[in-house]
Amino acid sequence: MYFDDVQIRLIILYALKSCKISMSEERLQEILVWSGILDYFTMMDFLISMEKMEMIQTLLIEDKTCYDITPKGIEMVEMFSYEIPLSIRDTISEAASEILNKLERGHEIVADIVPIDHHKFLAKCGIYERGVPLLEVNLFAGSRKSAQSIVERFKNGAGELYKIILEKIVE
């Protein structure tokens, strides 16, 4: 199947967003290359250019380069994911789910913005231990800016928030 440059970027962003964790090159290959969606060289070429465009960022995790989607990338994929054929989205979602199930997950903090409509947004935040939810909070934020602020504050202070809520419940 032929994809134009925009679709290739969206496919990579969709894969990163579907995984919800930073992905190594090998994990991205499992989703995109081994399933026949993209070839290795196209994937790597676009990863490099998308980092320059600030749609993704690279992180060094246990001496491995990993890729993570940025807020700019999330916004782009949320707005234009319909440009990715449904069969490709399904393939990516299934592969991402399989990878996440295989990974032995430790302590993980997840915070995401979910559009309710064009002008209203929800901040979905959670703390997980090996995939089991310890705390999940969905907050109506109103604007995208408010939702982004909630997400950033949650990521920076999730441990303290969890401690406070647990103390209040136990009292």
N, C-alpha and C. Protein backbone atom coordinates (compact mmCIF):
# COMPACT_ATOMS: atom_id res chain seq x y z
N MET A 1 0.85 -1.17 0.00
CA MET A 1 0.00 0.00 0.00
C MET A 1 0.89 1.24 0.00
N TYR A 2 0.51 2.24 -0.76
CA TYR A 2 1.27 3.48 -0.86
C TYR A 2 0.72 4.51 0.12
N PHE A 3 1.62 5.18 0.86
CA PHE A 3 1.24 6.24 1.77
C PHE A 3 2.01 7.49 1.41
N ASP A 4 1.34 8.65 1.46
CA ASP A 4 2.06 9.91 1.24
C ASP A 4 2.78 10.30 2.53
N ASP A 5 3.58 11.36 2.47
CA ASP A 5 4.41 11.77 3.61
C ASP A 5 3.57 12.07 4.85
N VAL A 6 2.45 12.73 4.68
CA VAL A 6 1.59 13.07 5.83
C VAL A 6 1.06 11.80 6.48
N GLN A 7 0.61 10.85 5.67
CA GLN A 7 0.09 9.59 6.22
C GLN A 7 1.17 8.82 6.96
N ILE A 8 2.39 8.82 6.44
CA ILE A 8 3.49 8.12 7.11
C ILE A 8 3.74 8.74 8.48
N ARG A 9 3.78 10.07 8.55
CA ARG A 9 3.96 10.73 9.84
C ARG A 9 2.83 10.37 10.79
N LEU A 10 1.60 10.41 10.29
CA LEU A 10 0.44 10.08 11.13
C LEU A 10 0.48 8.64 11.61
N ILE A 11 0.93 7.73 10.75
CA ILE A 11 1.03 6.31 11.12
C ILE A 11 2.02 6.13 12.27
N ILE A 12 3.17 6.79 12.17
CA ILE A 12 4.17 6.70 13.23
C ILE A 12 3.64 7.31 14.52
N LEU A 13 3.01 8.47 14.42
CA LEU A 13 2.43 9.11 15.61
C LEU A 13 1.34 8.24 16.22
N TYR A 14 0.53 7.63 15.38
CA TYR A 14 -0.55 6.77 15.87
C TYR A 14 0.02 5.56 16.62
N ALA A 15 1.11 5.01 16.10
CA ALA A 15 1.76 3.87 16.76
C ALA A 15 2.30 4.29 18.13
N LEU A 16 2.96 5.43 18.19
CA LEU A 16 3.51 5.91 19.46
C LEU A 16 2.40 6.23 20.46
N LYS A 17 1.33 6.83 19.99
CA LYS A 17 0.22 7.16 20.89
C LYS A 17 -0.49 5.89 21.36
N SER A 18 -0.61 4.90 20.48
CA SER A 18 -1.29 3.64 20.84
C SER A 18 -0.53 2.89 21.92
N CYS A 19 0.78 3.01 21.93
CA CYS A 19 1.59 2.28 22.91
C CYS A 19 1.61 2.94 24.27
N LYS A 20 1.39 4.22 24.33
CA LYS A 20 1.30 4.96 25.60
C LYS A 20 2.58 4.94 26.43
N ILE A 21 3.64 4.37 25.91
CA ILE A 21 4.93 4.40 26.59
C ILE A 21 6.00 4.71 25.55
N SER A 22 7.16 5.12 26.00
CA SER A 22 8.28 5.35 25.08
C SER A 22 8.64 4.04 24.41
N MET A 23 8.86 4.08 23.11
CA MET A 23 9.10 2.86 22.34
C MET A 23 10.51 2.84 21.77
N SER A 24 11.17 1.71 21.93
CA SER A 24 12.48 1.52 21.33
C SER A 24 12.31 1.30 19.83
N GLU A 25 13.41 1.44 19.13
CA GLU A 25 13.39 1.21 17.68
C GLU A 25 12.88 -0.20 17.36
N GLU A 26 13.31 -1.18 18.16
CA GLU A 26 12.89 -2.57 17.94
C GLU A 26 11.38 -2.74 18.10
N ARG A 27 10.80 -2.10 19.12
CA ARG A 27 9.35 -2.20 19.35
C ARG A 27 8.58 -1.53 18.22
N LEU A 28 9.08 -0.39 17.74
CA LEU A 28 8.43 0.26 16.61
C LEU A 28 8.50 -0.61 15.35
N GLN A 29 9.64 -1.31 15.19
CA GLN A 29 9.76 -2.23 14.06
C GLN A 29 8.71 -3.34 14.14
N GLU A 30 8.48 -3.86 15.35
CA GLU A 30 7.47 -4.90 15.52
C GLU A 30 6.11 -4.43 15.02
N ILE A 31 5.79 -3.19 15.34
CA ILE A 31 4.47 -2.67 14.97
C ILE A 31 4.40 -2.28 13.50
N LEU A 32 5.40 -1.56 13.02
CA LEU A 32 5.31 -0.95 11.69
C LEU A 32 5.99 -1.73 10.57
N VAL A 33 7.14 -2.32 10.86
CA VAL A 33 7.90 -2.99 9.80
C VAL A 33 7.48 -4.45 9.65
N TRP A 34 7.47 -5.17 10.76
CA TRP A 34 7.14 -6.59 10.69
C TRP A 34 5.71 -6.84 10.23
N SER A 35 4.83 -5.87 10.46
CA SER A 35 3.45 -6.04 10.00
C SER A 35 3.28 -5.60 8.55
N GLY A 36 4.36 -5.10 7.94
CA GLY A 36 4.31 -4.74 6.52
C GLY A 36 3.72 -3.37 6.24
N ILE A 37 3.58 -2.53 7.25
CA ILE A 37 3.01 -1.19 7.03
C ILE A 37 4.04 -0.27 6.40
N LEU A 38 5.24 -0.24 6.97
CA LEU A 38 6.34 0.59 6.46
C LEU A 38 7.60 -0.25 6.34
N ASP A 39 8.53 0.20 5.51
CA ASP A 39 9.83 -0.47 5.50
C ASP A 39 10.74 0.23 6.50
N TYR A 40 11.78 -0.45 6.91
CA TYR A 40 12.68 0.04 7.97
C TYR A 40 13.26 1.41 7.65
N PHE A 41 13.76 1.60 6.43
CA PHE A 41 14.44 2.84 6.08
C PHE A 41 13.48 4.03 6.06
N THR A 42 12.26 3.80 5.60
CA THR A 42 11.25 4.86 5.62
C THR A 42 10.93 5.24 7.06
N MET A 43 10.73 4.24 7.89
CA MET A 43 10.42 4.50 9.30
C MET A 43 11.52 5.33 9.95
N MET A 44 12.78 4.93 9.77
CA MET A 44 13.90 5.63 10.41
C MET A 44 14.06 7.05 9.85
N ASP A 45 13.91 7.20 8.54
CA ASP A 45 14.02 8.51 7.92
C ASP A 45 12.97 9.47 8.48
N PHE A 46 11.75 8.99 8.62
CA PHE A 46 10.68 9.83 9.14
C PHE A 46 10.83 10.09 10.64
N LEU A 47 11.34 9.13 11.39
CA LEU A 47 11.57 9.37 12.81
C LEU A 47 12.54 10.53 13.00
N ILE A 48 13.59 10.56 12.21
CA ILE A 48 14.59 11.63 12.30
C ILE A 48 13.97 12.97 11.94
N SER A 49 13.23 13.02 10.85
CA SER A 49 12.63 14.30 10.44
C SER A 49 11.53 14.75 11.41
N MET A 50 10.80 13.80 11.98
CA MET A 50 9.73 14.16 12.91
C MET A 50 10.29 14.68 14.24
N GLU A 51 11.48 14.23 14.60
CA GLU A 51 12.12 14.77 15.80
C GLU A 51 12.49 16.24 15.56
N LYS A 52 12.99 16.54 14.38
CA LYS A 52 13.32 17.92 14.04
C LYS A 52 12.07 18.81 14.00
N MET A 53 10.95 18.22 13.64
CA MET A 53 9.68 18.95 13.60
C MET A 53 9.00 19.03 14.97
N GLU A 54 9.63 18.42 15.98
CA GLU A 54 9.16 18.40 17.37
C GLU A 54 7.82 17.68 17.53
N MET A 55 7.58 16.69 16.68
CA MET A 55 6.40 15.84 16.83
C MET A 55 6.70 14.65 17.73
N ILE A 56 7.97 14.26 17.76
CA ILE A 56 8.42 13.19 18.64
C ILE A 56 9.71 13.65 19.32
N GLN A 57 10.06 12.95 20.37
CA GLN A 57 11.33 13.23 21.03
C GLN A 57 12.03 11.91 21.31
N THR A 58 13.34 11.97 21.40
CA THR A 58 14.10 10.76 21.73
C THR A 58 14.51 10.83 23.19
N LEU A 59 14.53 9.68 23.81
CA LEU A 59 14.94 9.54 25.20
C LEU A 59 15.94 8.40 25.27
N LEU A 60 16.85 8.47 26.21
CA LEU A 60 17.79 7.38 26.42
C LEU A 60 17.31 6.61 27.66
N ILE A 61 16.81 5.40 27.44
CA ILE A 61 16.32 4.57 28.53
C ILE A 61 17.13 3.29 28.55
N GLU A 62 17.84 3.06 29.65
CA GLU A 62 18.71 1.90 29.80
C GLU A 62 19.64 1.74 28.60
N ASP A 63 20.29 2.83 28.22
CA ASP A 63 21.25 2.88 27.11
C ASP A 63 20.63 2.55 25.75
N LYS A 64 19.32 2.66 25.62
CA LYS A 64 18.64 2.46 24.33
C LYS A 64 17.93 3.74 23.96
N THR A 65 18.00 4.10 22.69
CA THR A 65 17.26 5.26 22.21
C THR A 65 15.80 4.86 22.06
N CYS A 66 14.93 5.63 22.70
CA CYS A 66 13.50 5.37 22.62
C CYS A 66 12.81 6.62 22.09
N TYR A 67 11.65 6.42 21.53
CA TYR A 67 10.89 7.49 20.92
C TYR A 67 9.59 7.70 21.69
N ASP A 68 9.23 8.98 21.84
CA ASP A 68 8.02 9.33 22.54
C ASP A 68 7.32 10.44 21.77
N ILE A 69 6.01 10.43 21.79
CA ILE A 69 5.24 11.44 21.09
C ILE A 69 5.17 12.70 21.95
N THR A 70 5.26 13.87 21.33
CA THR A 70 5.19 15.14 22.04
C THR A 70 3.75 15.65 22.02
N PRO A 71 3.44 16.66 22.83
CA PRO A 71 2.09 17.24 22.77
C PRO A 71 1.70 17.71 21.36
N LYS A 72 2.67 18.25 20.64
CA LYS A 72 2.41 18.68 19.25
C LYS A 72 2.04 17.47 18.38
N GLY A 73 2.73 16.36 18.57
CA GLY A 73 2.43 15.14 17.82
C GLY A 73 1.07 14.57 18.20
N ILE A 74 0.75 14.61 19.49
CA ILE A 74 -0.56 14.12 19.95
C ILE A 74 -1.68 14.93 19.32
N GLU A 75 -1.51 16.25 19.33
CA GLU A 75 -2.53 17.12 18.74
C GLU A 75 -2.72 16.80 17.26
N MET A 76 -1.62 16.60 16.55
CA MET A 76 -1.71 16.32 15.12
C MET A 76 -2.43 15.00 14.85
N VAL A 77 -2.06 13.93 15.57
CA VAL A 77 -2.67 12.63 15.32
C VAL A 77 -4.14 12.61 15.74
N GLU A 78 -4.49 13.35 16.79
CA GLU A 78 -5.89 13.41 17.20
C GLU A 78 -6.74 14.13 16.18
N MET A 79 -6.17 15.15 15.55
CA MET A 79 -6.93 15.92 14.56
C MET A 79 -7.06 15.20 13.22
N PHE A 80 -6.04 14.43 12.84
CA PHE A 80 -6.01 13.88 11.49
C PHE A 80 -5.91 12.36 11.41
N SER A 81 -6.20 11.64 12.47
CA SER A 81 -6.07 10.19 12.43
C SER A 81 -7.00 9.55 11.39
N TYR A 82 -8.06 10.24 11.03
CA TYR A 82 -8.97 9.72 10.00
C TYR A 82 -8.28 9.59 8.64
N GLU A 83 -7.12 10.22 8.47
CA GLU A 83 -6.36 10.10 7.22
C GLU A 83 -5.64 8.76 7.11
N ILE A 84 -5.54 8.05 8.23
CA ILE A 84 -4.92 6.72 8.23
C ILE A 84 -6.03 5.71 7.92
N PRO A 85 -5.83 4.83 6.95
CA PRO A 85 -6.87 3.83 6.66
C PRO A 85 -7.22 3.01 7.91
N LEU A 86 -8.49 2.69 8.06
CA LEU A 86 -8.97 1.97 9.23
C LEU A 86 -8.24 0.65 9.43
N SER A 87 -7.96 -0.07 8.35
CA SER A 87 -7.26 -1.35 8.48
C SER A 87 -5.87 -1.17 9.08
N ILE A 88 -5.20 -0.09 8.74
CA ILE A 88 -3.87 0.20 9.28
C ILE A 88 -3.99 0.57 10.76
N ARG A 89 -4.98 1.39 11.11
CA ARG A 89 -5.19 1.75 12.52
C ARG A 89 -5.47 0.50 13.35
N ASP A 90 -6.29 -0.41 12.81
CA ASP A 90 -6.60 -1.65 13.53
C ASP A 90 -5.35 -2.51 13.71
N THR A 91 -4.54 -2.63 12.66
CA THR A 91 -3.31 -3.41 12.74
C THR A 91 -2.38 -2.83 13.79
N ILE A 92 -2.22 -1.51 13.80
CA ILE A 92 -1.35 -0.86 14.77
C ILE A 92 -1.89 -1.06 16.18
N SER A 93 -3.19 -0.88 16.37
CA SER A 93 -3.79 -1.03 17.70
C SER A 93 -3.60 -2.45 18.24
N GLU A 94 -3.80 -3.44 17.38
CA GLU A 94 -3.62 -4.83 17.80
C GLU A 94 -2.17 -5.12 18.16
N ALA A 95 -1.24 -4.66 17.32
CA ALA A 95 0.18 -4.89 17.57
C ALA A 95 0.63 -4.17 18.85
N ALA A 96 0.15 -2.95 19.05
CA ALA A 96 0.50 -2.20 20.26
C ALA A 96 -0.04 -2.91 21.50
N SER A 97 -1.24 -3.42 21.39
CA SER A 97 -1.84 -4.13 22.52
C SER A 97 -1.03 -5.39 22.86
N GLU A 98 -0.61 -6.12 21.84
CA GLU A 98 0.19 -7.33 22.06
C GLU A 98 1.53 -6.98 22.72
N ILE A 99 2.16 -5.92 22.27
CA ILE A 99 3.44 -5.51 22.84
C ILE A 99 3.26 -5.11 24.29
N LEU A 100 2.24 -4.33 24.58
CA LEU A 100 2.00 -3.89 25.95
C LEU A 100 1.69 -5.07 26.86
N ASN A 101 1.00 -6.07 26.34
CA ASN A 101 0.70 -7.25 27.14
C ASN A 101 1.96 -8.06 27.43
N LYS A 102 2.93 -8.06 26.48
CA LYS A 102 4.16 -8.82 26.66
C LYS A 102 5.13 -8.14 27.63
N LEU A 103 5.10 -6.83 27.64
CA LEU A 103 6.03 -6.10 28.49
C LEU A 103 5.69 -6.29 29.95
N GLU A 104 6.71 -6.53 30.74
CA GLU A 104 6.49 -6.55 32.18
C GLU A 104 6.58 -5.10 32.62
N ARG A 105 5.43 -4.56 32.96
CA ARG A 105 5.36 -3.14 33.26
C ARG A 105 5.53 -2.91 34.75
N GLY A 106 6.28 -1.90 35.06
CA GLY A 106 6.45 -1.50 36.44
C GLY A 106 5.53 -0.33 36.75
N HIS A 107 6.00 0.57 37.57
CA HIS A 107 5.26 1.76 37.96
C HIS A 107 5.16 2.68 36.74
N GLU A 108 3.96 3.10 36.41
CA GLU A 108 3.77 3.91 35.22
C GLU A 108 2.74 5.00 35.50
N ILE A 109 3.06 6.20 35.05
CA ILE A 109 2.14 7.33 35.18
C ILE A 109 1.70 7.70 33.77
N VAL A 110 0.39 7.73 33.57
CA VAL A 110 -0.16 8.05 32.26
C VAL A 110 -1.11 9.23 32.41
N ALA A 111 -0.96 10.22 31.55
CA ALA A 111 -1.87 11.36 31.53
C ALA A 111 -2.07 11.77 30.08
N ASP A 112 -3.33 11.95 29.70
CA ASP A 112 -3.65 12.22 28.31
C ASP A 112 -4.82 13.18 28.22
N ILE A 113 -4.91 13.87 27.12
CA ILE A 113 -6.01 14.79 26.86
C ILE A 113 -6.97 14.11 25.89
N VAL A 114 -8.25 14.12 26.22
CA VAL A 114 -9.26 13.49 25.37
C VAL A 114 -10.28 14.56 24.97
N PRO A 115 -10.45 14.79 23.66
CA PRO A 115 -11.45 15.78 23.25
C PRO A 115 -12.87 15.23 23.45
N ILE A 116 -13.73 16.07 24.03
CA ILE A 116 -15.14 15.72 24.18
C ILE A 116 -15.87 16.22 22.93
N ASP A 117 -15.59 17.44 22.54
CA ASP A 117 -16.01 17.99 21.25
C ASP A 117 -14.93 18.98 20.83
N HIS A 118 -15.22 19.87 19.91
CA HIS A 118 -14.18 20.76 19.38
C HIS A 118 -13.65 21.77 20.40
N HIS A 119 -14.44 22.06 21.44
CA HIS A 119 -14.05 23.09 22.38
C HIS A 119 -13.93 22.61 23.82
N LYS A 120 -14.25 21.35 24.10
CA LYS A 120 -14.22 20.84 25.46
C LYS A 120 -13.29 19.64 25.54
N PHE A 121 -12.53 19.57 26.63
CA PHE A 121 -11.53 18.51 26.77
C PHE A 121 -11.56 17.89 28.16
N LEU A 122 -11.13 16.64 28.21
CA LEU A 122 -11.08 15.87 29.43
C LEU A 122 -9.63 15.48 29.67
N ALA A 123 -9.17 15.58 30.91
CA ALA A 123 -7.82 15.11 31.26
C ALA A 123 -7.98 13.73 31.90
N LYS A 124 -7.41 12.70 31.27
CA LYS A 124 -7.44 11.33 31.81
C LYS A 124 -6.07 11.04 32.39
N CYS A 125 -6.05 10.75 33.68
CA CYS A 125 -4.78 10.54 34.38
C CYS A 125 -4.83 9.23 35.16
N GLY A 126 -3.70 8.55 35.24
CA GLY A 126 -3.67 7.31 35.99
C GLY A 126 -2.28 6.93 36.45
N ILE A 127 -2.26 6.17 37.53
CA ILE A 127 -1.02 5.58 38.03
C ILE A 127 -1.24 4.07 37.99
N TYR A 128 -0.29 3.35 37.40
CA TYR A 128 -0.42 1.90 37.21
C TYR A 128 0.81 1.19 37.75
N GLU A 129 0.59 0.01 38.25
CA GLU A 129 1.66 -0.87 38.70
C GLU A 129 1.51 -2.17 37.94
N ARG A 130 2.46 -2.45 37.05
CA ARG A 130 2.41 -3.65 36.19
C ARG A 130 1.09 -3.78 35.46
N GLY A 131 0.58 -2.63 34.98
CA GLY A 131 -0.65 -2.62 34.21
C GLY A 131 -1.92 -2.58 35.03
N VAL A 132 -1.81 -2.71 36.35
CA VAL A 132 -2.99 -2.68 37.22
C VAL A 132 -3.19 -1.24 37.70
N PRO A 133 -4.40 -0.69 37.52
CA PRO A 133 -4.61 0.69 37.94
C PRO A 133 -4.60 0.85 39.46
N LEU A 134 -3.75 1.75 39.95
CA LEU A 134 -3.73 2.11 41.37
C LEU A 134 -4.63 3.32 41.59
N LEU A 135 -4.65 4.22 40.61
CA LEU A 135 -5.46 5.42 40.68
C LEU A 135 -5.78 5.86 39.26
N GLU A 136 -7.04 6.11 39.00
CA GLU A 136 -7.46 6.66 37.71
C GLU A 136 -8.38 7.84 37.98
N VAL A 137 -8.10 8.95 37.31
CA VAL A 137 -8.89 10.17 37.50
C VAL A 137 -9.20 10.75 36.13
N ASN A 138 -10.47 11.07 35.91
CA ASN A 138 -10.90 11.76 34.70
C ASN A 138 -11.45 13.11 35.13
N LEU A 139 -10.85 14.19 34.64
CA LEU A 139 -11.26 15.53 35.03
C LEU A 139 -11.71 16.33 33.81
N PHE A 140 -12.90 16.90 33.90
CA PHE A 140 -13.35 17.81 32.85
C PHE A 140 -12.52 19.07 32.98
N ALA A 141 -11.84 19.44 31.91
CA ALA A 141 -10.92 20.57 31.99
C ALA A 141 -11.44 21.80 31.26
N GLY A 142 -12.43 21.64 30.41
CA GLY A 142 -12.91 22.78 29.62
C GLY A 142 -12.04 22.94 28.40
N SER A 143 -11.09 23.85 28.45
CA SER A 143 -10.25 24.15 27.29
C SER A 143 -9.07 23.19 27.17
N ARG A 144 -8.48 23.15 25.99
CA ARG A 144 -7.30 22.32 25.76
C ARG A 144 -6.15 22.81 26.65
N LYS A 145 -6.04 24.12 26.81
CA LYS A 145 -4.96 24.69 27.64
C LYS A 145 -5.10 24.21 29.08
N SER A 146 -6.32 24.22 29.61
CA SER A 146 -6.55 23.75 30.98
C SER A 146 -6.24 22.27 31.10
N ALA A 147 -6.66 21.49 30.11
CA ALA A 147 -6.39 20.04 30.12
C ALA A 147 -4.89 19.78 30.08
N GLN A 148 -4.17 20.53 29.26
CA GLN A 148 -2.71 20.36 29.17
C GLN A 148 -2.06 20.69 30.51
N SER A 149 -2.55 21.73 31.17
CA SER A 149 -2.01 22.12 32.48
C SER A 149 -2.24 21.02 33.52
N ILE A 150 -3.44 20.43 33.52
CA ILE A 150 -3.76 19.34 34.45
C ILE A 150 -2.86 18.14 34.19
N VAL A 151 -2.69 17.79 32.92
CA VAL A 151 -1.86 16.65 32.54
C VAL A 151 -0.42 16.85 33.01
N GLU A 152 0.13 18.04 32.78
CA GLU A 152 1.51 18.31 33.18
C GLU A 152 1.67 18.27 34.70
N ARG A 153 0.72 18.87 35.42
CA ARG A 153 0.79 18.86 36.88
C ARG A 153 0.65 17.44 37.42
N PHE A 154 -0.20 16.63 36.79
CA PHE A 154 -0.36 15.25 37.25
C PHE A 154 0.93 14.46 37.03
N LYS A 155 1.52 14.61 35.86
CA LYS A 155 2.76 13.88 35.57
C LYS A 155 3.87 14.28 36.56
N ASN A 156 3.92 15.54 36.93
CA ASN A 156 4.97 16.01 37.83
C ASN A 156 4.70 15.69 39.29
N GLY A 157 3.43 15.52 39.68
CA GLY A 157 3.14 15.31 41.09
C GLY A 157 2.25 14.13 41.38
N ALA A 158 2.25 13.13 40.52
CA ALA A 158 1.35 11.98 40.67
C ALA A 158 1.59 11.22 41.97
N GLY A 159 2.83 11.03 42.33
CA GLY A 159 3.15 10.28 43.55
C GLY A 159 2.61 10.97 44.79
N GLU A 160 2.81 12.27 44.87
CA GLU A 160 2.32 13.04 46.01
C GLU A 160 0.79 13.05 46.04
N LEU A 161 0.17 13.21 44.89
CA LEU A 161 -1.30 13.20 44.80
C LEU A 161 -1.86 11.86 45.27
N TYR A 162 -1.24 10.77 44.83
CA TYR A 162 -1.67 9.43 45.24
C TYR A 162 -1.57 9.28 46.76
N LYS A 163 -0.48 9.77 47.33
CA LYS A 163 -0.27 9.69 48.77
C LYS A 163 -1.35 10.47 49.52
N ILE A 164 -1.67 11.66 49.06
CA ILE A 164 -2.68 12.50 49.71
C ILE A 164 -4.05 11.84 49.64
N ILE A 165 -4.43 11.36 48.47
CA ILE A 165 -5.74 10.71 48.31
C ILE A 165 -5.83 9.46 49.19
N LEU A 166 -4.78 8.66 49.20
CA LEU A 166 -4.77 7.44 50.03
C LEU A 166 -4.90 7.80 51.51
N GLU A 167 -4.17 8.81 51.95
CA GLU A 167 -4.27 9.23 53.36
C GLU A 167 -5.68 9.69 53.70
N LYS A 168 -6.31 10.44 52.82
CA LYS A 168 -7.67 10.95 53.07
C LYS A 168 -8.69 9.82 53.10
N ILE A 169 -8.55 8.85 52.26
CA ILE A 169 -9.48 7.72 52.22
C ILE A 169 -9.32 6.84 53.46
N VAL A 170 -8.09 6.63 53.90
CA VAL A 170 -7.82 5.77 55.05
C VAL A 170 -8.28 6.41 56.35
N GLU A 171 -8.25 7.76 56.43
CA GLU A 171 -8.64 8.47 57.67
C GLU A 171 -10.00 8.10 58.12
